[in-house]
Structure formats: structure tokens, C-alpha cells
Amino acid sequence: MVTDILQTQMTDIFRAGLIIALIFTMLRTRAVTGTALPLLAGIVFVAVVVPLTSAGPAIGPMWMQIALGLVSNAILLAIGLAVWSLAVRLRR
């Protein structure tokens, strides 16, 4: 059940789009808000909002969806930040 939930979350286009928007927002506002706190708050926000607002059938207990959402969001964020970091290095 855990792998099913994690796989579903990792391939969720809506979740990936929210994480990409989170990265762009952090890049625009990091001079004022910093980087760590907005990213952590965004990860938690997406992990809670997506399962609470999904219209489909529940794939597991809510607490497990949120906990695994934190994990999948952190993985997606790490991938997004790695791509952004690589793009910045290649531009120079």
C-alpha cells in the first residue's frame, strides 16, 4: 500500500506543478523570505491540500497520504532544485 501511494503521488501532475510553482516563487522572493522556510512551508501545504481536495477514491488512510506526501514532495523538490542548479551552472 505504501509503494502504491508513493508511486501515485510521484506521478501526480498537479503535485509536480505545485512544486515547480513553489520553486519559482521561492526564487522570486528569496531576497525577502529566504529559501528554507518557504520551501518547508510549501512542502507541508501541498502534502496536506492535495489529499484533502482530491475527488477520487481514497487510496489509504489520510495520515499516511499526508506523511508520504511529505516524502514525495521532498523528492520532487530535490529534483526540481537540482535541475534549476544545473541550469544556472550551464548558463555561466
PDB file of N, CA and C in Angstrom:
ATOM      1  N   MET A   1       0.820  -1.183   0.000  1.00  0.00           N
ATOM      2  CA  MET A   1       0.000   0.000   0.000  1.00  0.00           C
ATOM      3  C   MET A   1       0.870   1.255   0.000  1.00  0.00           C
ATOM      4  N   VAL A   2       1.972   1.236   0.739  1.00  0.00           N
ATOM      5  CA  VAL A   2       2.846   2.406   0.803  1.00  0.00           C
ATOM      6  C   VAL A   2       3.441   2.711  -0.561  1.00  0.00           C
ATOM      7  N   THR A   3       3.918   1.687  -1.242  1.00  0.00           N
ATOM      8  CA  THR A   3       4.521   1.927  -2.555  1.00  0.00           C
ATOM      9  C   THR A   3       3.481   2.407  -3.570  1.00  0.00           C
ATOM     10  N   ASP A   4       2.258   1.923  -3.447  1.00  0.00           N
ATOM     11  CA  ASP A   4       1.193   2.377  -4.355  1.00  0.00           C
ATOM     12  C   ASP A   4       0.902   3.863  -4.147  1.00  0.00           C
ATOM     13  N   ILE A   5       0.800   4.259  -2.891  1.00  0.00           N
ATOM     14  CA  ILE A   5       0.535   5.667  -2.589  1.00  0.00           C
ATOM     15  C   ILE A   5       1.684   6.541  -3.066  1.00  0.00           C
ATOM     16  N   LEU A   6       2.907   6.124  -2.763  1.00  0.00           N
ATOM     17  CA  LEU A   6       4.079   6.913  -3.155  1.00  0.00           C
ATOM     18  C   LEU A   6       4.190   7.011  -4.672  1.00  0.00           C
ATOM     19  N   GLN A   7       3.942   5.923  -5.359  1.00  0.00           N
ATOM     20  CA  GLN A   7       4.008   5.936  -6.823  1.00  0.00           C
ATOM     21  C   GLN A   7       2.929   6.837  -7.410  1.00  0.00           C
ATOM     22  N   THR A   8       1.751   6.789  -6.856  1.00  0.00           N
ATOM     23  CA  THR A   8       0.666   7.650  -7.322  1.00  0.00           C
ATOM     24  C   THR A   8       1.006   9.111  -7.116  1.00  0.00           C
ATOM     25  N   GLN A   9       1.574   9.434  -5.960  1.00  0.00           N
ATOM     26  CA  GLN A   9       1.916  10.821  -5.670  1.00  0.00           C
ATOM     27  C   GLN A   9       3.074  11.319  -6.532  1.00  0.00           C
ATOM     28  N   MET A  10       4.037  10.472  -6.795  1.00  0.00           N
ATOM     29  CA  MET A  10       5.192  10.893  -7.596  1.00  0.00           C
ATOM     30  C   MET A  10       4.807  11.141  -9.059  1.00  0.00           C
ATOM     31  N   THR A  11       3.761  10.515  -9.525  1.00  0.00           N
ATOM     32  CA  THR A  11       3.348  10.702 -10.915  1.00  0.00           C
ATOM     33  C   THR A  11       2.161  11.658 -11.056  1.00  0.00           C
ATOM     34  N   ASP A  12       1.779  12.297  -9.966  1.00  0.00           N
ATOM     35  CA  ASP A  12       0.659  13.242  -9.988  1.00  0.00           C
ATOM     36  C   ASP A  12       1.118  14.559 -10.610  1.00  0.00           C
ATOM     37  N   ILE A  13       0.555  14.907 -11.743  1.00  0.00           N
ATOM     38  CA  ILE A  13       0.924  16.122 -12.471  1.00  0.00           C
ATOM     39  C   ILE A  13       0.599  17.372 -11.662  1.00  0.00           C
ATOM     40  N   PHE A  14      -0.528  17.364 -10.972  1.00  0.00           N
ATOM     41  CA  PHE A  14      -0.935  18.520 -10.172  1.00  0.00           C
ATOM     42  C   PHE A  14       0.079  18.786  -9.058  1.00  0.00           C
ATOM     43  N   ARG A  15       0.515  17.735  -8.376  1.00  0.00           N
ATOM     44  CA  ARG A  15       1.507  17.865  -7.302  1.00  0.00           C
ATOM     45  C   ARG A  15       2.833  18.383  -7.867  1.00  0.00           C
ATOM     46  N   ALA A  16       3.266  17.849  -8.993  1.00  0.00           N
ATOM     47  CA  ALA A  16       4.521  18.294  -9.602  1.00  0.00           C
ATOM     48  C   ALA A  16       4.427  19.758 -10.022  1.00  0.00           C
ATOM     49  N   GLY A  17       3.288  20.148 -10.570  1.00  0.00           N
ATOM     50  CA  GLY A  17       3.099  21.552 -10.950  1.00  0.00           C
ATOM     51  C   GLY A  17       3.151  22.487  -9.756  1.00  0.00           C
ATOM     52  N   LEU A  18       2.559  22.069  -8.648  1.00  0.00           N
ATOM     53  CA  LEU A  18       2.607  22.897  -7.438  1.00  0.00           C
ATOM     54  C   LEU A  18       4.038  23.029  -6.907  1.00  0.00           C
ATOM     55  N   ILE A  19       4.801  21.963  -6.986  1.00  0.00           N
ATOM     56  CA  ILE A  19       6.193  22.019  -6.515  1.00  0.00           C
ATOM     57  C   ILE A  19       7.031  22.911  -7.427  1.00  0.00           C
ATOM     58  N   ILE A  20       6.800  22.839  -8.742  1.00  0.00           N
ATOM     59  CA  ILE A  20       7.512  23.724  -9.670  1.00  0.00           C
ATOM     60  C   ILE A  20       7.146  25.179  -9.403  1.00  0.00           C
ATOM     61  N   ALA A  21       5.867  25.444  -9.177  1.00  0.00           N
ATOM     62  CA  ALA A  21       5.443  26.809  -8.842  1.00  0.00           C
ATOM     63  C   ALA A  21       6.057  27.259  -7.531  1.00  0.00           C
ATOM     64  N   LEU A  22       6.208  26.345  -6.589  1.00  0.00           N
ATOM     65  CA  LEU A  22       6.848  26.658  -5.312  1.00  0.00           C
ATOM     66  C   LEU A  22       8.302  27.073  -5.521  1.00  0.00           C
ATOM     67  N   ILE A  23       9.002  26.370  -6.391  1.00  0.00           N
ATOM     68  CA  ILE A  23      10.404  26.705  -6.672  1.00  0.00           C
ATOM     69  C   ILE A  23      10.500  28.084  -7.320  1.00  0.00           C
ATOM     70  N   PHE A  24       9.658  28.359  -8.314  1.00  0.00           N
ATOM     71  CA  PHE A  24       9.692  29.672  -8.967  1.00  0.00           C
ATOM     72  C   PHE A  24       9.348  30.790  -7.992  1.00  0.00           C
ATOM     73  N   THR A  25       8.378  30.548  -7.127  1.00  0.00           N
ATOM     74  CA  THR A  25       8.018  31.565  -6.134  1.00  0.00           C
ATOM     75  C   THR A  25       9.172  31.810  -5.172  1.00  0.00           C
ATOM     76  N   MET A  26       9.831  30.749  -4.732  1.00  0.00           N
ATOM     77  CA  MET A  26      10.972  30.890  -3.837  1.00  0.00           C
ATOM     78  C   MET A  26      12.090  31.686  -4.507  1.00  0.00           C
ATOM     79  N   LEU A  27      12.338  31.434  -5.784  1.00  0.00           N
ATOM     80  CA  LEU A  27      13.394  32.147  -6.491  1.00  0.00           C
ATOM     81  C   LEU A  27      13.085  33.636  -6.602  1.00  0.00           C
ATOM     82  N   ARG A  28      11.827  33.972  -6.771  1.00  0.00           N
ATOM     83  CA  ARG A  28      11.433  35.386  -6.895  1.00  0.00           C
ATOM     84  C   ARG A  28      11.462  36.125  -5.566  1.00  0.00           C
ATOM     85  N   THR A  29      11.195  35.418  -4.467  1.00  0.00           N
ATOM     86  CA  THR A  29      11.053  36.091  -3.174  1.00  0.00           C
ATOM     87  C   THR A  29      12.158  35.761  -2.182  1.00  0.00           C
ATOM     88  N   ARG A  30      13.213  35.078  -2.605  1.00  0.00           N
ATOM     89  CA  ARG A  30      14.222  34.637  -1.639  1.00  0.00           C
ATOM     90  C   ARG A  30      15.000  35.769  -1.001  1.00  0.00           C
ATOM     91  N   ALA A  31      15.083  36.933  -1.628  1.00  0.00           N
ATOM     92  CA  ALA A  31      15.792  38.057  -1.013  1.00  0.00           C
ATOM     93  C   ALA A  31      15.069  38.537   0.244  1.00  0.00           C
ATOM     94  N   VAL A  32      13.762  38.384   0.265  1.00  0.00           N
ATOM     95  CA  VAL A  32      12.968  38.854   1.404  1.00  0.00           C
ATOM     96  C   VAL A  32      12.668  37.727   2.386  1.00  0.00           C
ATOM     97  N   THR A  33      12.276  36.568   1.876  1.00  0.00           N
ATOM     98  CA  THR A  33      11.819  35.491   2.755  1.00  0.00           C
ATOM     99  C   THR A  33      12.845  34.397   2.993  1.00  0.00           C
ATOM    100  N   GLY A  34      13.928  34.381   2.247  1.00  0.00           N
ATOM    101  CA  GLY A  34      14.895  33.305   2.376  1.00  0.00           C
ATOM    102  C   GLY A  34      14.483  32.108   1.528  1.00  0.00           C
ATOM    103  N   THR A  35      15.113  30.968   1.779  1.00  0.00           N
ATOM    104  CA  THR A  35      14.809  29.796   0.966  1.00  0.00           C
ATOM    105  C   THR A  35      14.232  28.639   1.779  1.00  0.00           C
ATOM    106  N   ALA A  36      14.792  28.342   2.924  1.00  0.00           N
ATOM    107  CA  ALA A  36      14.406  27.137   3.657  1.00  0.00           C
ATOM    108  C   ALA A  36      12.968  27.186   4.172  1.00  0.00           C
ATOM    109  N   LEU A  37      12.603  28.252   4.838  1.00  0.00           N
ATOM    110  CA  LEU A  37      11.263  28.318   5.434  1.00  0.00           C
ATOM    111  C   LEU A  37      10.143  28.289   4.390  1.00  0.00           C
ATOM    112  N   PRO A  38      10.228  29.061   3.305  1.00  0.00           N
ATOM    113  CA  PRO A  38       9.156  28.961   2.298  1.00  0.00           C
ATOM    114  C   PRO A  38       9.070  27.574   1.648  1.00  0.00           C
ATOM    115  N   LEU A  39      10.215  26.931   1.427  1.00  0.00           N
ATOM    116  CA  LEU A  39      10.182  25.605   0.813  1.00  0.00           C
ATOM    117  C   LEU A  39       9.568  24.582   1.762  1.00  0.00           C
ATOM    118  N   LEU A  40       9.936  24.637   3.036  1.00  0.00           N
ATOM    119  CA  LEU A  40       9.350  23.708   4.004  1.00  0.00           C
ATOM    120  C   LEU A  40       7.852  23.938   4.162  1.00  0.00           C
ATOM    121  N   ALA A  41       7.460  25.196   4.249  1.00  0.00           N
ATOM    122  CA  ALA A  41       6.034  25.502   4.374  1.00  0.00           C
ATOM    123  C   ALA A  41       5.271  25.041   3.128  1.00  0.00           C
ATOM    124  N   GLY A  42       5.865  25.217   1.959  1.00  0.00           N
ATOM    125  CA  GLY A  42       5.222  24.790   0.723  1.00  0.00           C
ATOM    126  C   GLY A  42       5.078  23.282   0.631  1.00  0.00           C
ATOM    127  N   ILE A  43       6.097  22.561   1.073  1.00  0.00           N
ATOM    128  CA  ILE A  43       6.038  21.099   1.067  1.00  0.00           C
ATOM    129  C   ILE A  43       4.904  20.607   1.960  1.00  0.00           C
ATOM    130  N   VAL A  44       4.800  21.185   3.144  1.00  0.00           N
ATOM    131  CA  VAL A  44       3.733  20.793   4.069  1.00  0.00           C
ATOM    132  C   VAL A  44       2.363  21.172   3.492  1.00  0.00           C
ATOM    133  N   PHE A  45       2.254  22.370   2.950  1.00  0.00           N
ATOM    134  CA  PHE A  45       0.986  22.829   2.379  1.00  0.00           C
ATOM    135  C   PHE A  45       0.507  21.895   1.277  1.00  0.00           C
ATOM    136  N   VAL A  46       1.379  21.573   0.345  1.00  0.00           N
ATOM    137  CA  VAL A  46       0.989  20.694  -0.773  1.00  0.00           C
ATOM    138  C   VAL A  46       0.662  19.293  -0.267  1.00  0.00           C
ATOM    139  N   ALA A  47       1.429  18.809   0.713  1.00  0.00           N
ATOM    140  CA  ALA A  47       1.194  17.459   1.243  1.00  0.00           C
ATOM    141  C   ALA A  47      -0.172  17.346   1.910  1.00  0.00           C
ATOM    142  N   VAL A  48      -0.658  18.431   2.496  1.00  0.00           N
ATOM    143  CA  VAL A  48      -1.959  18.402   3.170  1.00  0.00           C
ATOM    144  C   VAL A  48      -3.098  18.709   2.202  1.00  0.00           C
ATOM    145  N   VAL A  49      -2.914  19.700   1.340  1.00  0.00           N
ATOM    146  CA  VAL A  49      -4.001  20.158   0.479  1.00  0.00           C
ATOM    147  C   VAL A  49      -4.383  19.134  -0.588  1.00  0.00           C
ATOM    148  N   VAL A  50      -3.418  18.506  -1.204  1.00  0.00           N
ATOM    149  CA  VAL A  50      -3.729  17.596  -2.313  1.00  0.00           C
ATOM    150  C   VAL A  50      -4.617  16.432  -1.867  1.00  0.00           C
ATOM    151  N   PRO A  51      -4.299  15.698  -0.788  1.00  0.00           N
ATOM    152  CA  PRO A  51      -5.214  14.608  -0.421  1.00  0.00           C
ATOM    153  C   PRO A  51      -6.571  15.094   0.103  1.00  0.00           C
ATOM    154  N   LEU A  52      -6.583  16.252   0.742  1.00  0.00           N
ATOM    155  CA  LEU A  52      -7.853  16.751   1.276  1.00  0.00           C
ATOM    156  C   LEU A  52      -8.812  17.213   0.184  1.00  0.00           C
ATOM    157  N   THR A  53      -8.280  17.615  -0.960  1.00  0.00           N
ATOM    158  CA  THR A  53      -9.136  18.136  -2.021  1.00  0.00           C
ATOM    159  C   THR A  53      -9.321  17.172  -3.191  1.00  0.00           C
ATOM    160  N   SER A  54      -8.739  15.990  -3.114  1.00  0.00           N
ATOM    161  CA  SER A  54      -8.890  15.047  -4.231  1.00  0.00           C
ATOM    162  C   SER A  54     -10.309  14.479  -4.258  1.00  0.00           C
ATOM    163  N   ALA A  55     -10.822  14.348  -5.453  1.00  0.00           N
ATOM    164  CA  ALA A  55     -12.202  13.876  -5.620  1.00  0.00           C
ATOM    165  C   ALA A  55     -12.270  12.367  -5.828  1.00  0.00           C
ATOM    166  N   GLY A  56     -11.135  11.748  -6.053  1.00  0.00           N
ATOM    167  CA  GLY A  56     -11.120  10.313  -6.324  1.00  0.00           C
ATOM    168  C   GLY A  56     -11.256   9.493  -5.049  1.00  0.00           C
ATOM    169  N   PRO A  57     -11.267   8.181  -5.214  1.00  0.00           N
ATOM    170  CA  PRO A  57     -11.364   7.311  -4.041  1.00  0.00           C
ATOM    171  C   PRO A  57     -10.082   7.376  -3.209  1.00  0.00           C
ATOM    172  N   ALA A  58     -10.218   7.249  -1.910  1.00  0.00           N
ATOM    173  CA  ALA A  58      -9.062   7.281  -1.017  1.00  0.00           C
ATOM    174  C   ALA A  58      -8.203   6.042  -1.248  1.00  0.00           C
ATOM    175  N   ILE A  59      -6.906   6.241  -1.389  1.00  0.00           N
ATOM    176  CA  ILE A  59      -6.003   5.113  -1.638  1.00  0.00           C
ATOM    177  C   ILE A  59      -5.339   4.629  -0.360  1.00  0.00           C
ATOM    178  N   GLY A  60      -5.693   5.235   0.757  1.00  0.00           N
ATOM    179  CA  GLY A  60      -5.146   4.835   2.042  1.00  0.00           C
ATOM    180  C   GLY A  60      -5.618   5.797   3.115  1.00  0.00           C
ATOM    181  N   PRO A  61      -5.207   5.556   4.351  1.00  0.00           N
ATOM    182  CA  PRO A  61      -5.588   6.467   5.425  1.00  0.00           C
ATOM    183  C   PRO A  61      -5.044   7.874   5.170  1.00  0.00           C
ATOM    184  N   MET A  62      -5.765   8.879   5.615  1.00  0.00           N
ATOM    185  CA  MET A  62      -5.374  10.264   5.372  1.00  0.00           C
ATOM    186  C   MET A  62      -3.999  10.571   5.947  1.00  0.00           C
ATOM    187  N   TRP A  63      -3.707  10.078   7.155  1.00  0.00           N
ATOM    188  CA  TRP A  63      -2.410  10.368   7.765  1.00  0.00           C
ATOM    189  C   TRP A  63      -1.269   9.780   6.930  1.00  0.00           C
ATOM    190  N   MET A  64      -1.511   8.625   6.327  1.00  0.00           N
ATOM    191  CA  MET A  64      -0.472   8.004   5.508  1.00  0.00           C
ATOM    192  C   MET A  64      -0.287   8.768   4.201  1.00  0.00           C
ATOM    193  N   GLN A  65      -1.374   9.245   3.612  1.00  0.00           N
ATOM    194  CA  GLN A  65      -1.268  10.041   2.390  1.00  0.00           C
ATOM    195  C   GLN A  65      -0.495  11.328   2.650  1.00  0.00           C
ATOM    196  N   ILE A  66      -0.743  11.963   3.800  1.00  0.00           N
ATOM    197  CA  ILE A  66      -0.045  13.212   4.126  1.00  0.00           C
ATOM    198  C   ILE A  66       1.422  12.939   4.422  1.00  0.00           C
ATOM    199  N   ALA A  67       1.705  11.898   5.196  1.00  0.00           N
ATOM    200  CA  ALA A  67       3.100  11.570   5.531  1.00  0.00           C
ATOM    201  C   ALA A  67       3.898  11.211   4.274  1.00  0.00           C
ATOM    202  N   LEU A  68       3.310  10.393   3.424  1.00  0.00           N
ATOM    203  CA  LEU A  68       4.002  10.043   2.183  1.00  0.00           C
ATOM    204  C   LEU A  68       4.034  11.218   1.216  1.00  0.00           C
ATOM    205  N   GLY A  69       3.062  12.117   1.330  1.00  0.00           N
ATOM    206  CA  GLY A  69       3.091  13.344   0.543  1.00  0.00           C
ATOM    207  C   GLY A  69       4.291  14.204   0.897  1.00  0.00           C
ATOM    208  N   LEU A  70       4.638  14.240   2.179  1.00  0.00           N
ATOM    209  CA  LEU A  70       5.837  14.970   2.591  1.00  0.00           C
ATOM    210  C   LEU A  70       7.086  14.371   1.948  1.00  0.00           C
ATOM    211  N   VAL A  71       7.136  13.052   1.916  1.00  0.00           N
ATOM    212  CA  VAL A  71       8.287  12.368   1.307  1.00  0.00           C
ATOM    213  C   VAL A  71       8.333  12.627  -0.196  1.00  0.00           C
ATOM    214  N   SER A  72       7.221  12.437  -0.873  1.00  0.00           N
ATOM    215  CA  SER A  72       7.218  12.617  -2.333  1.00  0.00           C
ATOM    216  C   SER A  72       7.459  14.079  -2.708  1.00  0.00           C
ATOM    217  N   ASN A  73       6.933  15.013  -1.924  1.00  0.00           N
ATOM    218  CA  ASN A  73       7.187  16.429  -2.195  1.00  0.00           C
ATOM    219  C   ASN A  73       8.658  16.763  -2.021  1.00  0.00           C
ATOM    220  N   ALA A  74       9.282  16.196  -0.995  1.00  0.00           N
ATOM    221  CA  ALA A  74      10.714  16.447  -0.787  1.00  0.00           C
ATOM    222  C   ALA A  74      11.538  15.884  -1.948  1.00  0.00           C
ATOM    223  N   ILE A  75      11.159  14.726  -2.449  1.00  0.00           N
ATOM    224  CA  ILE A  75      11.867  14.138  -3.592  1.00  0.00           C
ATOM    225  C   ILE A  75      11.683  15.007  -4.839  1.00  0.00           C
ATOM    226  N   LEU A  76      10.437  15.407  -5.110  1.00  0.00           N
ATOM    227  CA  LEU A  76      10.176  16.260  -6.273  1.00  0.00           C
ATOM    228  C   LEU A  76      10.885  17.607  -6.142  1.00  0.00           C
ATOM    229  N   LEU A  77      10.917  18.157  -4.940  1.00  0.00           N
ATOM    230  CA  LEU A  77      11.611  19.421  -4.716  1.00  0.00           C
ATOM    231  C   LEU A  77      13.116  19.262  -4.954  1.00  0.00           C
ATOM    232  N   ALA A  78      13.692  18.175  -4.467  1.00  0.00           N
ATOM    233  CA  ALA A  78      15.123  17.933  -4.680  1.00  0.00           C
ATOM    234  C   ALA A  78      15.440  17.808  -6.169  1.00  0.00           C
ATOM    235  N   ILE A  79      14.597  17.130  -6.911  1.00  0.00           N
ATOM    236  CA  ILE A  79      14.799  17.007  -8.361  1.00  0.00           C
ATOM    237  C   ILE A  79      14.687  18.372  -9.020  1.00  0.00           C
ATOM    238  N   GLY A  80      13.675  19.139  -8.650  1.00  0.00           N
ATOM    239  CA  GLY A  80      13.490  20.478  -9.225  1.00  0.00           C
ATOM    240  C   GLY A  80      14.640  21.414  -8.918  1.00  0.00           C
ATOM    241  N   LEU A  81      15.120  21.386  -7.674  1.00  0.00           N
ATOM    242  CA  LEU A  81      16.251  22.245  -7.320  1.00  0.00           C
ATOM    243  C   LEU A  81      17.536  21.802  -8.012  1.00  0.00           C
ATOM    244  N   ALA A  82      17.698  20.500  -8.214  1.00  0.00           N
ATOM    245  CA  ALA A  82      18.872  20.004  -8.936  1.00  0.00           C
ATOM    246  C   ALA A  82      18.848  20.461 -10.391  1.00  0.00           C
ATOM    247  N   VAL A  83      17.686  20.401 -11.023  1.00  0.00           N
ATOM    248  CA  VAL A  83      17.557  20.861 -12.409  1.00  0.00           C
ATOM    249  C   VAL A  83      17.826  22.352 -12.490  1.00  0.00           C
ATOM    250  N   TRP A  84      17.267  23.122 -11.560  1.00  0.00           N
ATOM    251  CA  TRP A  84      17.496  24.570 -11.549  1.00  0.00           C
ATOM    252  C   TRP A  84      18.980  24.881 -11.334  1.00  0.00           C
ATOM    253  N   SER A  85      19.612  24.189 -10.399  1.00  0.00           N
ATOM    254  CA  SER A  85      21.034  24.402 -10.127  1.00  0.00           C
ATOM    255  C   SER A  85      21.883  24.066 -11.352  1.00  0.00           C
ATOM    256  N   LEU A  86      21.544  22.997 -12.032  1.00  0.00           N
ATOM    257  CA  LEU A  86      22.266  22.612 -13.246  1.00  0.00           C
ATOM    258  C   LEU A  86      22.080  23.656 -14.336  1.00  0.00           C
ATOM    259  N   ALA A  87      20.867  24.180 -14.470  1.00  0.00           N
ATOM    260  CA  ALA A  87      20.606  25.202 -15.483  1.00  0.00           C
ATOM    261  C   ALA A  87      21.396  26.473 -15.198  1.00  0.00           C
ATOM    262  N   VAL A  88      21.507  26.847 -13.946  1.00  0.00           N
ATOM    263  CA  VAL A  88      22.280  28.039 -13.579  1.00  0.00           C
ATOM    264  C   VAL A  88      23.759  27.826 -13.897  1.00  0.00           C
ATOM    265  N   ARG A  89      24.278  26.657 -13.605  1.00  0.00           N
ATOM    266  CA  ARG A  89      25.697  26.374 -13.882  1.00  0.00           C
ATOM    267  C   ARG A  89      25.985  26.343 -15.382  1.00  0.00           C
ATOM    268  N   LEU A  90      25.056  25.801 -16.160  1.00  0.00           N
ATOM    269  CA  LEU A  90      25.280  25.714 -17.600  1.00  0.00           C
ATOM    270  C   LEU A  90      25.166  27.076 -18.281  1.00  0.00           C
ATOM    271  N   ARG A  91      24.440  27.993 -17.683  1.00  0.00           N
ATOM    272  CA  ARG A  91      24.315  29.334 -18.252  1.00  0.00           C
ATOM    273  C   ARG A  91      25.597  30.139 -18.125  1.00  0.00           C
ATOM    274  N   ARG A  92      26.408  29.811 -17.156  1.00  0.00           N
ATOM    275  CA  ARG A  92      27.646  30.580 -16.925  1.00  0.00           C
ATOM    276  C   ARG A  92      28.750  30.169 -17.813  1.00  0.00           C
TER     277      ARG A  92
END
